[in-house]
Structure formats: C-alpha cells, structure tokens
Amino acid sequence: MKWYKRTELLVGSTGIEKLRNAHVLVVGLGGVGAYAAETICRAGVGKMTIVDGDTVEMTNRNRQLPALVSNEGHRKAEVLAQRFLDINPDIQLEIINDYLQEEHMHQVLQAKQFDYVVDCIDTLSPKVTLMHTAVQLNLPIVSSMGAGGKMDPTQIQIADISKSYNCALAKMIRKRLRKMGVHKGIKVVFSPEDVDKSKLIIEESRNKKSTVGTISYMPPAFGCFIGSVVIRDLLEN
C-alpha cells in the first residue's frame, strides 16, 4: 500500500505527481518553520531544501518540533532531515546548516529551480531580503509574521502582505519593502491579535533583540497554515 494513499484519495494521481515533482525551499526551522516543512513533507513534495544554522536548545521544548531532551545541542536541520526521511524515504533533501545571510540570498535562490519559497526567518533584515529577492526572481513565497505573544489560533489569517494589519512585525516589513519598491505580491500568515507588551523582554543576541512569550500550539498552527498555502498553490498551478 502507498504511504500517501489518503492524500491521493483527496488530490488525485495528478495532484500527487505535481507534489512529487515540486521543489520547496524552507528557510528557518524554528517553531513555525519546522511544522511548515513537515506538513510539506507529509503531503508528498518530492524535493525540499531546508535552511537553518541553529541547534536545539532547552527553551525550544515548549513549541518546536525537533526539541526533545535527546536532541539538545544537535543541529535542527539535521534532526529534521532524519525525521523527514523517516516519513518519506524517497524525498530528495538538501540541508544547509547555516543562517542565510543577505549577501547569499540570490546565490541560494538561484542554485536550484525552486517552485516555492517558505520564509520562517526570525530576524528582520535577512527576512526582508529573502522576501525581496524572491519577488525579484519571480518565485512564489509565503512568509510567517509574528506568532509570539498570541494565544488565539482562530485569529490566524492568510493574506497579501499589503492586507496584513495589527502585527508589529508585518508593519516593520511593509515599511522596509516599500522602500525597496515592493508593495504587494507576497502571501503572509499573520494574526491581528493584540500582544501584551508585558510578555516581552529585551534580550540581545546574535539573531534577535527581544523575546516574547510563546504557547505550545500557536507556532505549529502558523506552520500548518503556511504548509497549506504551499500545498494548495502547488496543486493549483
């Protein structure tokens, strides 16, 4: 029996072939990105490039897919690659164990013929650069906005970046993209739910300037929404 029989029942053999022939780039494998990548893998996408330079930490355990005590200190991309091959042994995986820097965006996005780009980067500058580069190269992209500080999954929405609202991260990104000449054309997953500022702490590190409280189900929910965008668009095109 085919492991993807239930998916084929829903999308048909033609849909299965579309997914099998697709190559998806997923950048950022944290609370949102890992779940997005797994939904894409479980749908039967045939090729995936996963990018993250981070390792599993104890504080990831409240929300991140690879975060187990036995995985602490291990590279997230390698942990997830093993997991995805355990789901679909036929998937063709490329692993990039590094943070994607601005100066390398064009090189990475042009290295393969990607059918979709998934942006789950936490840091603002490379996130905006990835989005802008994808637009320049005419690559379909879906980007995660802020899942931290949110608790109500029923408020999660999918929209064009120009239609996002009441999300601090989306506001900063829109401002930067406008300066680059990009006003629309990027799908985002966001929530307009208000964030309690008292749940945020200033914490300078290599990749972020602040940390906001998170709950177990919100980043995975964002990831599933993102996965759904990719899968449905691949099936429609």
Protein backbone atom coordinates (compact mmCIF):
# COMPACT_ATOMS: atom_id res chain seq x y z
CA MET A 1 0.00 0.00 0.00
CA LYS A 2 1.26 3.52 -0.80
CA TRP A 3 2.01 5.57 2.29
CA TYR A 4 0.37 8.58 0.61
CA LYS A 5 -2.84 6.73 -0.32
CA ARG A 6 -5.06 9.03 1.79
CA THR A 7 -3.53 12.12 0.17
CA GLU A 8 -4.02 10.65 -3.29
CA LEU A 9 -7.66 9.97 -2.47
CA LEU A 10 -8.06 13.70 -1.80
CA VAL A 11 -5.92 15.28 -4.55
CA GLY A 12 -5.88 12.52 -7.19
CA SER A 13 -2.94 10.97 -9.02
CA THR A 14 -2.32 14.18 -10.97
CA GLY A 15 -2.06 16.11 -7.72
CA ILE A 16 0.36 13.57 -6.31
CA GLU A 17 2.58 13.96 -9.39
CA LYS A 18 2.53 17.75 -9.07
CA LEU A 19 3.68 17.49 -5.46
CA ARG A 20 6.24 14.81 -6.20
CA ASN A 21 7.82 16.97 -8.93
CA ALA A 22 7.94 20.13 -6.80
CA HIS A 23 10.98 21.58 -5.04
CA VAL A 24 10.32 23.74 -1.97
CA LEU A 25 12.84 25.89 -0.12
CA VAL A 26 12.18 26.31 3.62
CA VAL A 27 14.29 28.91 5.42
CA GLY A 28 14.10 28.88 9.21
CA LEU A 29 13.24 25.71 11.13
CA GLY A 30 12.05 27.07 14.45
CA GLY A 31 8.59 26.89 15.98
CA VAL A 32 6.82 27.79 12.73
CA GLY A 33 9.23 26.60 10.04
CA ALA A 34 9.71 23.04 11.26
CA TYR A 35 5.96 22.39 11.27
CA ALA A 36 5.57 24.04 7.87
CA ALA A 37 8.33 21.82 6.47
CA GLU A 38 6.79 18.69 7.96
CA THR A 39 3.34 19.36 6.52
CA ILE A 40 5.00 19.86 3.12
CA CYS A 41 6.96 16.63 3.53
CA ARG A 42 3.90 14.63 4.61
CA ALA A 43 1.97 15.93 1.59
CA GLY A 44 4.47 14.13 -0.65
CA VAL A 45 6.56 17.01 -2.02
CA GLY A 46 9.47 15.32 -3.76
CA LYS A 47 12.32 17.78 -3.16
CA MET A 48 13.00 20.12 -0.28
CA THR A 49 15.91 22.33 0.69
CA ILE A 50 15.92 23.19 4.41
CA VAL A 51 18.00 26.01 5.85
CA ASP A 52 18.84 26.76 9.48
CA GLY A 53 22.10 27.31 11.34
CA ASP A 54 20.63 26.83 14.81
CA THR A 55 20.85 23.95 17.28
CA VAL A 56 18.12 22.57 19.53
CA GLU A 57 18.01 24.32 22.91
CA MET A 58 16.16 23.51 26.12
CA THR A 59 13.94 26.60 25.77
CA ASN A 60 12.69 25.34 22.39
CA ARG A 61 10.81 22.47 24.02
CA ASN A 62 7.61 24.40 24.66
CA ARG A 63 6.86 24.81 20.93
CA GLN A 64 9.41 23.42 18.44
CA LEU A 65 9.06 20.13 16.57
CA PRO A 66 12.68 18.85 16.89
CA ALA A 67 13.00 19.98 20.52
CA LEU A 68 13.48 16.87 22.65
CA VAL A 69 15.91 16.35 25.52
CA SER A 70 17.70 13.76 23.38
CA ASN A 71 18.16 16.32 20.57
CA GLU A 72 19.55 19.21 22.59
CA GLY A 73 22.75 20.55 21.07
CA HIS A 74 22.04 18.88 17.72
CA ARG A 75 21.54 20.88 14.54
CA LYS A 76 17.86 21.46 13.81
CA ALA A 77 18.25 20.92 10.06
CA GLU A 78 19.94 17.54 10.54
CA VAL A 79 17.42 16.37 13.15
CA LEU A 80 14.54 17.30 10.85
CA ALA A 81 16.21 15.76 7.78
CA GLN A 82 16.34 12.40 9.57
CA ARG A 83 12.70 12.79 10.58
CA PHE A 84 11.56 13.70 7.06
CA LEU A 85 13.40 10.72 5.55
CA ASP A 86 11.63 8.55 8.10
CA ILE A 87 8.32 9.92 6.81
CA ASN A 88 9.17 9.76 3.10
CA PRO A 89 12.36 7.80 2.31
CA ASP A 90 12.13 8.96 -1.32
CA ILE A 91 12.26 12.69 -0.59
CA GLN A 92 15.30 14.44 -2.03
CA LEU A 93 16.70 16.67 0.70
CA GLU A 94 19.37 19.31 0.66
CA ILE A 95 20.46 20.59 4.06
CA ILE A 96 22.07 23.98 4.62
CA ASN A 97 23.36 24.19 8.20
CA ASP A 98 23.80 27.93 8.23
CA TYR A 99 21.99 31.21 8.75
CA LEU A 100 21.04 32.60 5.36
CA GLN A 101 22.83 35.93 5.06
CA GLU A 102 21.68 38.84 2.89
CA GLU A 103 24.67 38.63 0.57
CA HIS A 104 23.92 34.98 -0.22
CA MET A 105 20.19 35.28 -1.00
CA HIS A 106 20.49 35.43 -4.79
CA GLN A 107 23.02 32.62 -4.83
CA VAL A 108 20.85 30.26 -2.78
CA LEU A 109 17.56 31.10 -4.50
CA GLN A 110 19.11 30.64 -7.94
CA ALA A 111 21.08 27.50 -7.08
CA LYS A 112 18.03 25.27 -7.71
CA GLN A 113 14.80 25.57 -9.63
CA PHE A 114 12.51 26.19 -6.68
CA ASP A 115 8.76 26.02 -7.11
CA TYR A 116 8.04 27.72 -3.79
CA VAL A 117 9.90 29.61 -1.07
CA VAL A 118 8.88 29.44 2.59
CA ASP A 119 10.15 32.22 4.86
CA CYS A 120 10.18 31.46 8.57
CA ILE A 121 13.22 33.56 9.50
CA ASP A 122 13.08 35.26 12.90
CA THR A 123 15.50 38.10 12.18
CA LEU A 124 14.15 41.16 10.37
CA SER A 125 16.92 42.10 7.93
CA PRO A 126 17.53 38.69 6.29
CA LYS A 127 13.78 38.05 6.35
CA VAL A 128 13.04 41.17 4.32
CA THR A 129 15.94 40.44 1.98
CA LEU A 130 14.66 36.91 1.33
CA MET A 131 11.18 38.24 0.56
CA HIS A 132 12.54 40.95 -1.73
CA THR A 133 14.86 38.55 -3.55
CA ALA A 134 12.04 36.07 -4.15
CA VAL A 135 9.95 38.85 -5.69
CA GLN A 136 12.88 39.92 -7.88
CA LEU A 137 13.31 36.35 -9.12
CA ASN A 138 9.55 35.89 -9.58
CA LEU A 139 9.45 33.00 -7.10
CA PRO A 140 6.23 32.30 -5.19
CA ILE A 141 6.80 32.95 -1.49
CA VAL A 142 4.81 32.71 1.72
CA SER A 143 6.13 34.34 4.87
CA SER A 144 5.34 33.93 8.55
CA MET A 145 4.64 37.02 10.55
CA GLY A 146 4.79 37.11 14.36
CA ALA A 147 3.36 34.12 16.24
CA GLY A 148 4.84 35.15 19.59
CA GLY A 149 2.61 36.72 22.21
CA LYS A 150 -0.52 35.31 20.56
CA MET A 151 -2.89 32.72 22.07
CA ASP A 152 -5.99 32.57 19.85
CA PRO A 153 -5.50 30.38 16.76
CA THR A 154 -8.90 31.35 15.38
CA GLN A 155 -7.49 34.80 14.54
CA ILE A 156 -4.78 33.48 12.20
CA GLN A 157 -5.21 34.73 8.63
CA ILE A 158 -3.67 34.29 5.18
CA ALA A 159 -3.41 37.47 3.12
CA ASP A 160 -1.22 39.53 0.85
CA ILE A 161 1.40 41.48 2.82
CA SER A 162 -0.43 44.69 1.87
CA LYS A 163 -3.56 43.43 3.66
CA SER A 164 -1.86 42.46 6.93
CA TYR A 165 -2.68 44.60 9.97
CA ASN A 166 -2.19 44.91 13.73
CA CYS A 167 1.03 42.88 13.62
CA ALA A 168 4.19 44.72 14.65
CA LEU A 169 6.47 42.51 12.57
CA ALA A 170 4.30 42.88 9.46
CA LYS A 171 4.29 46.65 9.92
CA MET A 172 8.10 46.81 10.00
CA ILE A 173 8.37 44.52 7.00
CA ARG A 174 5.85 46.51 4.94
CA LYS A 175 7.82 49.69 5.66
CA ARG A 176 11.12 48.15 4.54
CA LEU A 177 9.63 46.51 1.46
CA ARG A 178 8.04 49.77 0.34
CA LYS A 179 11.50 51.38 0.37
CA MET A 180 12.60 48.54 -1.95
CA GLY A 181 9.67 49.17 -4.28
CA VAL A 182 7.60 46.17 -3.16
CA HIS A 183 4.06 46.95 -2.05
CA LYS A 184 2.26 43.66 -2.61
CA GLY A 185 2.60 40.20 -4.12
CA ILE A 186 3.80 38.28 -1.06
CA LYS A 187 1.49 35.94 0.83
CA VAL A 188 1.78 36.07 4.61
CA VAL A 189 0.34 34.20 7.56
CA PHE A 190 -0.39 36.61 10.40
CA SER A 191 -2.63 37.24 13.38
CA PRO A 192 -4.09 40.64 14.31
CA GLU A 193 -4.47 39.52 17.92
CA ASP A 194 -3.18 42.14 20.36
CA VAL A 195 0.11 41.35 22.11
CA ASP A 196 0.56 42.15 25.78
CA LYS A 197 3.82 44.16 25.85
CA SER A 198 4.48 42.96 29.42
CA LYS A 199 5.09 39.48 27.97
CA LEU A 200 8.17 40.75 26.08
CA ILE A 201 11.72 41.01 27.36
CA ILE A 202 14.73 42.74 25.78
CA GLU A 203 17.38 40.14 25.11
CA GLU A 204 20.29 41.00 22.82
CA SER A 205 21.71 38.01 20.93
CA ARG A 206 23.08 37.19 17.51
CA ASN A 207 19.68 36.70 15.93
CA LYS A 208 17.19 38.74 17.94
CA LYS A 209 16.84 41.81 20.11
CA SER A 210 13.82 40.71 22.12
CA THR A 211 11.97 37.61 23.23
CA VAL A 212 8.23 37.35 23.60
CA GLY A 213 6.28 34.64 25.40
CA THR A 214 5.01 31.72 23.34
CA ILE A 215 2.49 28.91 23.81
CA SER A 216 2.79 25.36 22.50
CA TYR A 217 0.13 25.44 19.78
CA MET A 218 0.50 28.84 18.08
CA PRO A 219 3.77 28.40 16.13
CA PRO A 220 2.64 24.93 14.90
CA ALA A 221 -0.69 26.44 13.84
CA PHE A 222 1.13 29.14 11.86
CA GLY A 223 3.29 26.40 10.32
CA CYS A 224 0.26 24.39 9.25
CA PHE A 225 -1.30 27.48 7.65
CA ILE A 226 1.93 28.11 5.74
CA GLY A 227 2.13 24.48 4.63
CA SER A 228 -1.44 24.70 3.38
CA VAL A 229 -0.62 27.75 1.26
CA VAL A 230 2.31 25.97 -0.40
CA ILE A 231 0.48 22.70 -1.00
CA ARG A 232 -2.69 24.29 -2.37
CA ASP A 233 -0.77 26.64 -4.66
CA LEU A 234 1.39 23.79 -5.99
CA LEU A 235 -1.76 21.78 -6.73
CA GLU A 236 -3.49 24.72 -8.45
CA ASN A 237 -0.56 25.69 -10.69
